N, C-alpha and C. Protein backbone atom coordinates (compact mmCIF):
# COMPACT_ATOMS: atom_id res chain seq x y z
N UNK A 1 0.93 -0.85 0.28
CA UNK A 1 -0.09 -0.07 -0.37
C UNK A 1 0.94 1.24 0.19
N UNK A 2 1.01 2.06 -1.07
CA UNK A 2 1.83 3.24 -0.89
C UNK A 2 1.10 4.45 -1.01
N UNK A 3 -0.27 4.55 -0.71
CA UNK A 3 -0.66 5.75 -0.60
C UNK A 3 -0.44 6.90 0.86
N UNK A 4 0.40 8.03 0.44
CA UNK A 4 1.42 8.86 1.39
C UNK A 4 2.44 8.67 0.99
N UNK A 5 2.22 7.96 -0.11
CA UNK A 5 4.22 8.10 -1.07
C UNK A 5 4.05 8.54 -2.51
N UNK A 6 5.42 8.95 -2.46
CA UNK A 6 5.62 9.29 -4.57
C UNK A 6 6.92 8.12 -4.93
N UNK A 7 7.57 8.06 -5.56
CA UNK A 7 8.62 7.91 -6.52
C UNK A 7 9.08 8.91 -6.80
N UNK A 8 9.73 9.05 -6.60
CA UNK A 8 10.93 10.20 -7.03
C UNK A 8 12.45 10.23 -7.98
N UNK A 9 12.13 9.98 -8.84
CA UNK A 9 12.98 10.11 -10.42
C UNK A 9 13.71 11.22 -9.93
N UNK A 10 14.68 11.31 -9.83
CA UNK A 10 15.63 12.81 -9.55
C UNK A 10 16.65 13.07 -10.87
N UNK A 11 16.95 12.20 -12.08
CA UNK A 11 17.62 13.07 -12.47
C UNK A 11 17.25 11.72 -13.92
N UNK A 12 17.89 12.56 -15.71
CA UNK A 12 16.85 11.66 -16.79
C UNK A 12 18.82 10.60 -16.75
N UNK A 13 17.55 9.96 -17.35
CA UNK A 13 18.93 8.62 -17.26
C UNK A 13 18.43 7.62 -18.32
N UNK A 14 19.42 6.66 -18.60
CA UNK A 14 18.32 6.12 -20.28
C UNK A 14 18.01 4.20 -18.95
N UNK A 15 18.35 4.91 -17.83
CA UNK A 15 18.32 3.05 -17.09
C UNK A 15 16.74 3.36 -16.17
N UNK A 16 16.77 3.86 -15.91
CA UNK A 16 15.28 4.51 -14.35
C UNK A 16 14.78 4.35 -14.88
N UNK A 17 13.87 3.44 -13.97
CA UNK A 17 11.77 3.50 -14.46
C UNK A 17 11.65 2.41 -12.93
N UNK A 18 10.16 2.30 -12.98
CA UNK A 18 9.58 1.63 -12.13
C UNK A 18 8.90 0.45 -13.83
N UNK A 19 9.16 -0.97 -12.89
CA UNK A 19 8.59 -2.18 -13.54
C UNK A 19 7.08 -2.21 -13.17
N UNK A 20 5.98 -2.53 -13.14
CA UNK A 20 5.04 -2.90 -12.25
C UNK A 20 4.68 -4.19 -12.98
N UNK A 21 4.23 -4.73 -11.79
CA UNK A 21 4.85 -6.28 -11.87
C UNK A 21 3.27 -7.06 -11.68
N UNK A 22 2.43 -6.45 -12.60
CA UNK A 22 0.55 -6.79 -12.94
C UNK A 22 0.20 -7.00 -14.59
N UNK A 23 -0.21 -7.94 -14.85
CA UNK A 23 -0.69 -7.95 -16.22
C UNK A 23 -2.24 -8.24 -16.16
N UNK A 24 -2.48 -7.97 -17.03
CA UNK A 24 -4.31 -7.90 -17.79
C UNK A 24 -4.16 -9.67 -18.01
N UNK A 25 -4.82 -10.39 -18.16
CA UNK A 25 -4.84 -11.90 -18.19
C UNK A 25 -5.42 -12.31 -19.09
N UNK A 26 -6.35 -11.11 -20.23
CA UNK A 26 -6.46 -11.48 -21.44
C UNK A 26 -6.80 -9.97 -22.33
N UNK A 27 -5.96 -9.93 -23.59
CA UNK A 27 -6.52 -8.99 -24.63
C UNK A 27 -7.04 -7.71 -24.07
N UNK A 28 -6.78 -6.25 -23.90
CA UNK A 28 -7.54 -5.53 -23.46
C UNK A 28 -8.81 -4.86 -24.60
N UNK A 29 -9.88 -4.88 -23.84
CA UNK A 29 -10.83 -4.48 -25.07
C UNK A 29 -10.82 -2.99 -24.60
N UNK A 30 -11.13 -2.63 -23.14
CA UNK A 30 -11.82 -1.29 -22.59
C UNK A 30 -10.11 -1.24 -21.55
N UNK A 31 -9.65 0.06 -21.17
CA UNK A 31 -8.40 0.62 -20.01
C UNK A 31 -9.10 1.69 -19.42
N UNK A 32 -8.16 1.80 -18.61
CA UNK A 32 -8.56 3.56 -17.82
C UNK A 32 -6.67 3.23 -17.42
N UNK A 33 -6.64 4.66 -17.27
CA UNK A 33 -5.16 4.80 -16.90
C UNK A 33 -5.63 5.82 -15.83
N UNK A 34 -4.84 6.12 -14.40
CA UNK A 34 -4.93 7.68 -13.51
C UNK A 34 -3.59 6.98 -12.98
N UNK A 35 -2.97 8.55 -13.01
CA UNK A 35 -1.74 8.40 -12.40
C UNK A 35 -1.63 10.11 -11.96
N UNK A 36 -1.13 10.46 -10.67
CA UNK A 36 -0.14 12.06 -10.32
C UNK A 36 1.03 11.94 -10.93
N UNK A 37 1.37 13.14 -11.78
CA UNK A 37 2.63 13.90 -12.25
C UNK A 37 2.77 14.99 -11.13
N UNK A 38 4.46 15.44 -11.32
CA UNK A 38 5.08 16.64 -10.63
C UNK A 38 6.40 16.90 -11.25
N UNK A 39 6.28 17.89 -12.24
CA UNK A 39 7.83 17.93 -13.15
C UNK A 39 7.57 18.79 -13.43
N UNK A 40 9.00 19.79 -13.37
CA UNK A 40 8.76 21.03 -13.45
C UNK A 40 9.88 21.06 -15.18
N UNK A 41 9.94 19.27 -15.94
CA UNK A 41 10.35 19.32 -17.42
C UNK A 41 9.26 20.08 -18.57
N UNK A 42 10.28 20.88 -19.18
CA UNK A 42 9.19 21.01 -20.86
C UNK A 42 9.75 20.84 -21.67
N UNK A 43 10.92 19.52 -21.80
CA UNK A 43 10.89 18.75 -23.27
C UNK A 43 10.18 17.28 -23.34
N UNK A 44 9.55 16.09 -24.27
CA UNK A 44 9.13 15.55 -24.19
C UNK A 44 9.93 14.20 -23.02
N UNK A 45 8.52 13.90 -22.69
CA UNK A 45 9.00 12.82 -21.28
C UNK A 45 7.92 11.77 -21.41
N UNK A 46 8.00 10.44 -20.79
CA UNK A 46 7.19 9.62 -21.05
C UNK A 46 6.96 9.18 -19.53
N UNK A 47 5.40 8.55 -19.71
CA UNK A 47 5.04 8.82 -17.64
C UNK A 47 4.15 7.10 -17.41
N UNK A 48 4.12 6.65 -18.81
CA UNK A 48 3.05 5.50 -18.39
C UNK A 48 3.26 4.42 -19.44
N UNK A 49 3.80 3.23 -19.99
CA UNK A 49 4.59 3.36 -21.17
C UNK A 49 4.06 1.67 -20.93
N UNK A 50 3.48 0.89 -21.83
CA UNK A 50 2.61 -0.49 -21.85
C UNK A 50 3.49 -0.80 -22.87
N UNK A 51 4.72 -2.15 -23.02
CA UNK A 51 4.16 -2.79 -24.93
C UNK A 51 4.25 -3.67 -24.76
N UNK A 52 4.26 -4.33 -25.50
CA UNK A 52 3.70 -5.51 -25.97
C UNK A 52 4.82 -6.47 -26.87
N UNK A 53 5.23 -7.36 -26.73
CA UNK A 53 6.01 -7.98 -28.61
C UNK A 53 6.19 -6.74 -29.93
N UNK A 54 5.05 -7.03 -30.06
CA UNK A 54 4.14 -6.87 -31.39
C UNK A 54 4.18 -5.03 -31.55
N UNK A 55 4.20 -4.59 -30.69
CA UNK A 55 4.12 -2.86 -30.70
C UNK A 55 4.27 -2.54 -29.16
N UNK A 56 6.10 -1.97 -29.33
CA UNK A 56 6.29 -0.86 -28.40
C UNK A 56 5.09 0.15 -27.65
N UNK A 57 4.27 1.11 -28.33
CA UNK A 57 3.90 1.95 -28.02
C UNK A 57 1.91 1.67 -27.79
N UNK A 58 2.33 0.37 -27.21
CA UNK A 58 0.55 -0.43 -27.24
C UNK A 58 -0.68 0.32 -26.52
N UNK A 59 0.55 0.68 -25.04
CA UNK A 59 -0.69 1.84 -24.98
C UNK A 59 0.89 2.88 -23.57
N UNK A 60 0.41 4.13 -24.42
CA UNK A 60 1.20 5.05 -23.88
C UNK A 60 1.19 6.08 -23.71
N UNK A 61 1.14 6.73 -22.59
CA UNK A 61 1.17 8.31 -22.38
C UNK A 61 2.20 8.94 -22.01
N UNK A 62 2.67 9.73 -23.02
CA UNK A 62 3.83 11.03 -22.98
C UNK A 62 3.11 12.46 -23.52
N UNK A 63 4.37 12.81 -23.13
CA UNK A 63 3.59 14.66 -22.65
C UNK A 63 4.99 15.47 -23.30
N UNK A 64 4.46 15.56 -24.84
CA UNK A 64 5.50 16.11 -25.78
C UNK A 64 6.19 17.57 -25.34
N UNK A 65 5.00 18.51 -24.51
CA UNK A 65 5.63 19.86 -23.75
C UNK A 65 4.71 19.55 -22.81
N UNK A 66 4.74 21.42 -22.02
CA UNK A 66 3.94 21.17 -20.53
C UNK A 66 2.23 21.49 -21.07
N UNK A 67 2.36 21.95 -22.43
CA UNK A 67 0.67 22.05 -22.55
C UNK A 67 0.02 20.95 -23.35
N UNK A 68 0.60 19.95 -23.53
CA UNK A 68 0.00 18.90 -24.39
C UNK A 68 -0.38 17.42 -23.48
N UNK A 69 -0.93 16.63 -23.45
CA UNK A 69 -0.76 14.58 -23.25
C UNK A 69 -1.06 14.25 -24.19
N UNK A 70 -0.46 13.60 -24.67
CA UNK A 70 -0.94 12.28 -25.64
C UNK A 70 -0.91 11.19 -24.82
N UNK A 71 -2.33 10.26 -25.74
CA UNK A 71 -2.84 8.74 -25.21
C UNK A 71 -2.74 7.94 -27.32
N UNK A 72 -1.24 7.19 -26.38
CA UNK A 72 -1.18 6.18 -27.38
C UNK A 72 -1.55 5.10 -27.39
N UNK A 73 -2.38 4.39 -28.55
CA UNK A 73 -2.67 3.34 -28.62
C UNK A 73 -2.57 1.63 -29.71
N UNK A 74 -2.15 1.29 -29.12
CA UNK A 74 -1.37 0.03 -30.63
C UNK A 74 -0.86 1.24 -32.09
N UNK A 75 0.19 2.38 -31.20
CA UNK A 75 0.68 2.83 -32.20
C UNK A 75 0.57 5.04 -32.84
N UNK A 76 -0.82 4.19 -32.41
CA UNK A 76 -0.97 5.43 -33.27
C UNK A 76 -1.68 6.24 -31.66
N UNK A 77 -1.82 7.76 -31.47
CA UNK A 77 -1.94 8.59 -30.61
C UNK A 77 -3.47 9.68 -30.85
N UNK A 78 -3.98 10.25 -29.65
CA UNK A 78 -4.92 11.57 -30.05
C UNK A 78 -3.66 12.53 -28.81
N UNK A 79 -4.33 13.75 -29.72
CA UNK A 79 -3.76 14.19 -28.52
C UNK A 79 -4.78 16.14 -27.40
N UNK A 80 -4.49 15.67 -26.05
CA UNK A 80 -5.06 16.19 -25.94
C UNK A 80 -4.26 17.45 -24.93
N UNK A 81 -4.55 18.85 -25.26
CA UNK A 81 -4.08 20.21 -25.36
C UNK A 81 -4.53 20.75 -23.71
N UNK A 82 -3.71 20.99 -22.90
CA UNK A 82 -3.92 21.21 -21.68
C UNK A 82 -3.06 22.67 -20.92
N UNK A 83 -4.02 23.99 -20.29
CA UNK A 83 -3.52 24.52 -19.62
C UNK A 83 -2.15 24.75 -19.27
N UNK A 84 -1.14 25.75 -20.25
CA UNK A 84 0.50 25.39 -19.06
C UNK A 84 0.06 26.39 -17.80
N UNK A 85 -0.03 26.12 -16.37
CA UNK A 85 -0.22 26.81 -15.50
C UNK A 85 0.94 27.38 -14.30
N UNK A 86 0.33 28.06 -13.22
CA UNK A 86 1.56 27.73 -12.66
C UNK A 86 2.62 26.04 -12.06
N UNK A 87 3.47 26.10 -11.72
CA UNK A 87 4.29 24.82 -10.93
C UNK A 87 3.09 23.95 -10.07
N UNK A 88 1.93 22.93 -10.40
CA UNK A 88 1.38 22.47 -9.57
C UNK A 88 0.99 20.94 -9.72
N UNK A 89 1.35 19.74 -9.45
CA UNK A 89 1.15 18.31 -9.47
C UNK A 89 -0.21 18.53 -10.99
N UNK A 90 0.10 17.14 -11.53
CA UNK A 90 -1.04 16.72 -12.89
C UNK A 90 -1.99 15.95 -12.05
N UNK A 91 -2.74 14.90 -12.11
CA UNK A 91 -3.82 13.98 -12.04
C UNK A 91 -4.48 13.95 -13.06
N UNK A 92 -4.21 12.99 -14.09
CA UNK A 92 -4.92 12.63 -15.35
C UNK A 92 -5.02 11.18 -14.81
N UNK A 93 -6.51 11.47 -15.85
CA UNK A 93 -6.43 9.69 -16.41
C UNK A 93 -7.25 9.98 -18.15
N UNK A 94 -7.01 9.00 -18.27
CA UNK A 94 -6.90 8.18 -20.08
C UNK A 94 -8.04 7.31 -19.94
N UNK A 95 -8.86 7.48 -20.44
CA UNK A 95 -9.54 6.30 -20.85
C UNK A 95 -10.12 5.33 -22.28
N UNK A 96 -10.15 4.39 -22.92
CA UNK A 96 -10.47 4.26 -23.97
C UNK A 96 -11.17 3.13 -24.36
N UNK A 97 -12.28 2.32 -25.28
CA UNK A 97 -13.07 1.29 -25.33
C UNK A 97 -12.61 1.41 -26.59
N UNK A 98 -12.48 -0.64 -27.30
CA UNK A 98 -13.05 -0.32 -28.30
C UNK A 98 -13.76 -0.77 -29.24
N UNK A 99 -14.75 -0.66 -28.91
CA UNK A 99 -15.54 -1.10 -29.51
C UNK A 99 -16.45 0.19 -30.43
N UNK A 100 -16.07 1.69 -29.59
CA UNK A 100 -16.26 2.75 -30.19
C UNK A 100 -14.79 4.03 -30.90
N UNK A 101 -14.17 3.51 -29.86
CA UNK A 101 -12.43 3.78 -30.30
C UNK A 101 -12.55 4.71 -28.86
N UNK A 102 -13.91 5.45 -28.83
CA UNK A 102 -13.68 6.85 -27.96
C UNK A 102 -12.86 7.00 -26.71
N UNK A 103 -11.61 7.81 -26.81
CA UNK A 103 -10.73 7.84 -25.97
C UNK A 103 -11.09 9.14 -25.04
N UNK A 104 -11.59 9.06 -23.35
CA UNK A 104 -11.60 10.02 -21.98
C UNK A 104 -10.37 10.08 -21.87
N UNK A 105 -10.14 12.03 -21.57
CA UNK A 105 -9.31 11.98 -20.44
C UNK A 105 -9.92 13.35 -19.94
N UNK A 106 -9.16 13.04 -18.89
CA UNK A 106 -9.25 14.07 -17.55
C UNK A 106 -8.40 14.71 -16.97
N UNK A 107 -8.60 15.89 -16.64
CA UNK A 107 -6.99 16.80 -16.00
C UNK A 107 -7.62 17.16 -14.65
N UNK A 108 -7.05 16.20 -13.44
CA UNK A 108 -7.07 17.16 -12.17
C UNK A 108 -8.66 17.08 -12.00
N UNK A 109 -9.67 15.94 -12.69
CA UNK A 109 -10.81 15.53 -12.31
C UNK A 109 -11.15 16.45 -13.49
N UNK A 110 -11.41 16.61 -13.88
CA UNK A 110 -11.93 18.31 -15.22
C UNK A 110 -11.73 17.38 -16.24
N UNK A 111 -13.24 16.45 -16.94
CA UNK A 111 -13.41 15.72 -18.11
C UNK A 111 -13.07 16.79 -19.46
N UNK A 112 -12.42 16.47 -20.82
CA UNK A 112 -11.97 17.18 -21.82
C UNK A 112 -12.52 16.81 -22.67
N UNK A 113 -13.28 16.75 -23.27
CA UNK A 113 -14.19 16.44 -24.76
C UNK A 113 -13.32 15.50 -25.68
N UNK A 114 -14.07 14.05 -26.04
CA UNK A 114 -13.88 13.02 -26.31
C UNK A 114 -13.51 13.10 -27.51
N UNK A 115 -12.44 12.14 -27.49
CA UNK A 115 -11.58 12.03 -29.31
C UNK A 115 -11.91 10.31 -28.96
N UNK A 116 -11.79 10.57 -31.03
CA UNK A 116 -11.23 8.45 -31.29
C UNK A 116 -10.52 8.09 -32.00
N UNK A 117 -10.05 6.73 -30.97
CA UNK A 117 -8.93 6.33 -31.64
C UNK A 117 -8.68 4.83 -31.82
N UNK A 118 -8.32 4.19 -33.18
CA UNK A 118 -7.80 2.36 -32.78
C UNK A 118 -9.37 2.12 -32.46
N UNK A 119 -10.34 2.38 -33.17
CA UNK A 119 -12.16 1.90 -33.12
C UNK A 119 -11.84 -0.19 -34.10
N UNK A 120 -12.07 -0.91 -32.71
CA UNK A 120 -11.67 -2.15 -32.83
C UNK A 120 -10.23 -2.79 -32.82
N UNK A 121 -9.88 -2.55 -32.34
CA UNK A 121 -8.17 -2.72 -31.71
C UNK A 121 -8.69 -2.97 -30.29
N UNK A 122 -7.15 -4.39 -29.85
CA UNK A 122 -6.83 -5.05 -28.78
C UNK A 122 -5.41 -4.55 -28.67
N UNK A 123 -5.66 -4.62 -27.04
CA UNK A 123 -4.40 -3.77 -26.87
C UNK A 123 -4.32 -5.59 -26.40
N UNK A 124 -2.30 -6.26 -26.51
CA UNK A 124 -2.39 -6.99 -25.82
C UNK A 124 -2.22 -7.62 -25.00
N UNK A 125 -2.05 -8.55 -23.90
CA UNK A 125 -2.12 -8.74 -22.60
C UNK A 125 -0.65 -9.33 -22.49
N UNK A 126 0.47 -9.51 -22.78
CA UNK A 126 1.86 -10.17 -22.43
C UNK A 126 2.49 -8.76 -23.29
N UNK A 127 2.48 -8.18 -21.08
CA UNK A 127 2.95 -6.77 -21.68
C UNK A 127 4.60 -6.77 -20.81
N UNK A 128 5.70 -5.75 -20.88
CA UNK A 128 6.45 -5.21 -19.97
C UNK A 128 5.92 -3.34 -20.03
N UNK A 129 5.22 -3.30 -18.57
CA UNK A 129 4.29 -1.93 -18.46
C UNK A 129 5.38 -1.53 -16.91
N UNK A 130 5.97 0.21 -17.38
CA UNK A 130 6.54 1.11 -16.91
C UNK A 130 6.04 2.30 -16.66
N UNK A 131 7.21 2.79 -15.79
CA UNK A 131 6.64 4.15 -15.32
C UNK A 131 8.07 4.89 -15.33
N UNK A 132 8.11 5.91 -16.28
CA UNK A 132 8.91 7.12 -16.22
C UNK A 132 10.13 6.71 -17.11
N UNK A 133 9.96 5.82 -18.36
CA UNK A 133 10.45 6.14 -20.01
C UNK A 133 9.69 5.88 -20.53
N UNK A 134 9.69 5.49 -21.92
CA UNK A 134 9.36 4.88 -23.42
C UNK A 134 10.37 3.64 -23.68
N UNK A 135 10.05 3.12 -24.04
CA UNK A 135 10.27 1.80 -24.23
C UNK A 135 9.81 1.50 -25.90
N UNK A 136 11.25 1.28 -26.73
CA UNK A 136 10.92 1.48 -27.72
C UNK A 136 11.65 0.24 -28.82
N UNK A 137 11.38 -1.07 -27.49
CA UNK A 137 11.83 -2.30 -27.57
C UNK A 137 10.99 -2.73 -26.40
N UNK A 138 10.94 -4.85 -26.58
CA UNK A 138 9.84 -4.64 -25.78
C UNK A 138 11.23 -4.90 -24.05
N UNK A 139 10.51 -3.75 -23.07
CA UNK A 139 10.78 -3.87 -21.83
C UNK A 139 12.06 -2.96 -21.87
N UNK A 140 12.57 -2.09 -23.41
CA UNK A 140 13.72 -1.30 -22.59
C UNK A 140 14.20 -0.80 -24.59
N UNK A 141 14.89 -0.43 -24.35
CA UNK A 141 15.17 0.54 -25.88
C UNK A 141 15.00 2.69 -25.34
N UNK A 142 14.88 2.57 -24.18
CA UNK A 142 14.92 3.28 -22.97
C UNK A 142 16.34 5.20 -24.27
N UNK A 143 16.03 5.83 -23.76
CA UNK A 143 16.14 7.38 -24.57
C UNK A 143 15.84 8.54 -23.60
N UNK A 144 16.92 9.15 -22.73
CA UNK A 144 17.33 9.84 -21.36
C UNK A 144 16.92 10.84 -22.16
N UNK A 145 16.38 11.37 -23.61
CA UNK A 145 15.61 12.74 -23.52
C UNK A 145 14.41 12.58 -23.35
N UNK A 146 13.68 11.35 -23.31
CA UNK A 146 12.01 11.60 -22.65
C UNK A 146 11.68 10.77 -21.69
N UNK A 147 13.04 10.22 -20.88
CA UNK A 147 13.12 10.31 -19.56
C UNK A 147 12.35 11.49 -18.78
N UNK A 148 11.87 11.13 -17.45
CA UNK A 148 10.46 11.32 -16.84
C UNK A 148 11.42 11.85 -15.27
N UNK A 149 11.55 13.43 -15.41
CA UNK A 149 12.06 13.46 -13.82
C UNK A 149 11.31 14.20 -13.14
N UNK A 150 11.43 13.97 -11.81
CA UNK A 150 10.36 14.54 -10.71
C UNK A 150 9.69 13.58 -9.64
N UNK A 151 8.28 13.86 -9.91
CA UNK A 151 7.48 12.62 -8.72
C UNK A 151 6.25 11.78 -9.49
N UNK A 152 6.21 10.88 -9.23
CA UNK A 152 4.86 10.42 -9.72
C UNK A 152 4.36 9.82 -8.82
N UNK A 153 2.79 9.65 -8.11
CA UNK A 153 2.17 8.33 -7.31
C UNK A 153 0.97 8.07 -7.84
N UNK A 154 -0.51 7.70 -6.83
CA UNK A 154 -1.42 6.98 -7.43
C UNK A 154 -1.88 6.68 -8.89
N UNK A 155 -0.69 5.61 -8.65
CA UNK A 155 -0.68 5.10 -10.24
C UNK A 155 -2.21 4.03 -10.25
N UNK A 156 -2.83 3.69 -11.49
CA UNK A 156 -4.17 3.13 -11.15
C UNK A 156 -4.32 2.61 -12.90
N UNK A 157 -4.40 0.93 -13.03
CA UNK A 157 -5.48 0.49 -14.32
C UNK A 157 -6.70 -0.03 -14.18
N UNK A 158 -7.56 0.44 -14.78
CA UNK A 158 -8.70 -1.27 -14.77
C UNK A 158 -8.63 -1.62 -15.95
N UNK A 159 -8.86 -2.63 -16.30
CA UNK A 159 -9.67 -3.21 -17.84
C UNK A 159 -11.11 -2.86 -18.70
N UNK A 160 -11.32 -1.83 -17.86
CA UNK A 160 -12.77 -1.11 -17.59
C UNK A 160 -12.60 0.18 -18.36
N UNK A 161 -13.70 1.53 -18.67
CA UNK A 161 -14.02 2.60 -19.12
C UNK A 161 -14.44 3.47 -16.84
N UNK A 162 -14.59 4.46 -17.02
CA UNK A 162 -14.38 5.16 -16.27
C UNK A 162 -15.88 6.17 -16.32
N UNK A 163 -16.32 6.64 -14.65
CA UNK A 163 -17.04 7.47 -14.91
C UNK A 163 -16.26 8.92 -14.62
N UNK A 164 -16.86 10.44 -14.64
CA UNK A 164 -15.75 11.19 -13.52
C UNK A 164 -15.66 10.94 -12.22
N UNK A 165 -16.84 10.55 -11.64
CA UNK A 165 -16.82 10.38 -10.07
C UNK A 165 -15.83 9.39 -9.92
N UNK A 166 -15.85 8.51 -10.28
CA UNK A 166 -14.58 7.55 -10.56
C UNK A 166 -13.24 7.58 -10.40
N UNK A 167 -13.24 9.17 -11.60
CA UNK A 167 -12.12 9.51 -11.39
C UNK A 167 -11.25 10.57 -10.76
N UNK A 168 -12.81 11.23 -10.16
CA UNK A 168 -12.60 12.10 -8.38
C UNK A 168 -12.17 10.91 -7.22
N UNK A 169 -13.24 9.89 -7.46
CA UNK A 169 -12.25 8.19 -6.19
C UNK A 169 -10.82 8.08 -6.49
N UNK A 170 -10.50 8.23 -7.78
CA UNK A 170 -9.03 7.45 -8.11
C UNK A 170 -7.82 8.69 -7.48
N UNK A 171 -9.10 9.90 -7.32
CA UNK A 171 -8.19 11.50 -7.26
C UNK A 171 -7.03 11.03 -5.72
N UNK A 172 -8.39 10.89 -5.05
CA UNK A 172 -8.09 10.72 -3.67
C UNK A 172 -7.43 9.05 -2.88
N UNK A 173 -7.11 8.21 -4.34
CA UNK A 173 -6.49 7.02 -4.31
C UNK A 173 -8.21 5.72 -2.97
N UNK A 174 -8.76 6.30 -3.15
CA UNK A 174 -10.31 5.44 -2.93
C UNK A 174 -11.40 4.86 -4.34
N UNK A 175 -10.16 3.95 -4.65
CA UNK A 175 -10.91 3.52 -6.89
C UNK A 175 -12.17 2.86 -6.14
N UNK A 176 -13.15 3.35 -7.18
CA UNK A 176 -14.75 2.74 -6.99
C UNK A 176 -14.87 1.09 -7.14
N UNK A 177 -14.15 0.23 -7.93
CA UNK A 177 -13.54 -0.43 -9.10
C UNK A 177 -12.01 -0.90 -8.34
N UNK A 178 -12.23 -2.80 -8.08
CA UNK A 178 -11.05 -3.24 -8.11
C UNK A 178 -10.17 -2.67 -9.50
N UNK A 179 -8.76 -2.31 -9.57
CA UNK A 179 -8.18 -1.89 -10.84
C UNK A 179 -7.24 -3.74 -10.66
N UNK A 180 -6.66 -3.64 -11.84
CA UNK A 180 -5.74 -4.52 -12.54
C UNK A 180 -4.41 -4.03 -11.79
N UNK A 181 -4.31 -2.90 -11.25
CA UNK A 181 -3.44 -2.29 -10.46
C UNK A 181 -3.31 -1.11 -9.67
N UNK A 182 -3.06 -1.03 -8.87
CA UNK A 182 -3.45 0.25 -8.85
C UNK A 182 -2.75 0.59 -7.09
N UNK A 183 -2.84 1.60 -6.46
CA UNK A 183 -1.93 2.20 -5.55
C UNK A 183 -1.65 1.87 -4.43
N UNK A 184 -3.20 1.55 -4.10
CA UNK A 184 -3.08 0.17 -2.59
C UNK A 184 -3.33 -0.91 -2.33
N UNK A 185 -1.99 -1.22 -3.40
CA UNK A 185 -1.95 -2.65 -3.84
C UNK A 185 -0.85 -2.65 -5.42
N UNK A 186 -0.10 -2.43 -5.15
CA UNK A 186 1.49 -2.15 -5.82
C UNK A 186 2.00 -2.42 -6.37
N UNK A 187 2.55 -4.11 -7.11
CA UNK A 187 3.35 -4.92 -7.50
C UNK A 187 3.98 -3.85 -8.09
N UNK A 188 5.40 -3.64 -7.78
CA UNK A 188 6.51 -2.85 -8.46
C UNK A 188 7.83 -3.90 -7.85
N UNK A 189 9.10 -2.69 -8.75
CA UNK A 189 10.57 -2.48 -9.19
C UNK A 189 11.10 -2.01 -9.30
N UNK A 190 11.56 -1.39 -8.32
CA UNK A 190 12.33 -0.02 -9.05
C UNK A 190 13.87 -0.73 -9.60
N UNK A 191 13.81 0.15 -10.97
CA UNK A 191 15.23 -0.17 -11.43
C UNK A 191 16.15 1.24 -11.59
N UNK A 192 17.44 0.85 -11.57
CA UNK A 192 17.91 2.71 -11.25
C UNK A 192 18.41 3.22 -10.71
N UNK A 193 18.24 4.31 -10.12
CA UNK A 193 17.50 6.07 -9.11
C UNK A 193 16.20 5.60 -9.11
N UNK A 194 15.54 5.22 -8.62
CA UNK A 194 14.39 6.13 -8.21
C UNK A 194 14.29 5.27 -6.99
N UNK A 195 13.18 6.45 -6.12
CA UNK A 195 13.06 6.13 -5.02
C UNK A 195 11.43 6.40 -4.69
N UNK A 196 11.40 5.27 -3.37
CA UNK A 196 10.04 5.82 -3.03
C UNK A 196 10.26 6.40 -1.49
N UNK A 197 9.45 7.44 -1.53
CA UNK A 197 9.35 8.48 -0.60
C UNK A 197 7.95 8.70 0.01
N UNK A 198 7.88 9.66 1.21
CA UNK A 198 6.79 9.78 1.89
C UNK A 198 6.40 11.56 1.38
């Protein structure tokens, strides 16, 4: 249970990351991903990377610059513009459903207009799942210029969609539904320089 703790990524590296030791039991027709990050990076960086042997960006939450988030599914992406505010931690949730391709995006609990991506696709189940780097190969292929520097916490992933009230519950680390993995029961290994801190 990592509530009231954060992962600190102190510097740009080509190896430091958090490996999530959990996998969905079957390919994903739907998913929701939530996490909170705190950084002063202005360069591109990967937050959450879910790679399969067939597709290194099967799911990728990526921030190319302070005013934009990108969600990749199956190697293709949609972008969401966000305000460049004062330095503050940002809580992001993204959801995707195969049947319609609809992508939901929430920043600090507020829903953005929905977009579409990869209708009919299925995300593979045999995955390398990690925080703080972008995989360009299964379980590796990291670029230090895309590594995350800062703090990250409250990471959750479900194999279902989510409502705005569900997003608010996840923000408070009180998820309404049991996730595939989540901050209250988080199976992980740190690799390189990543520290778990109060």
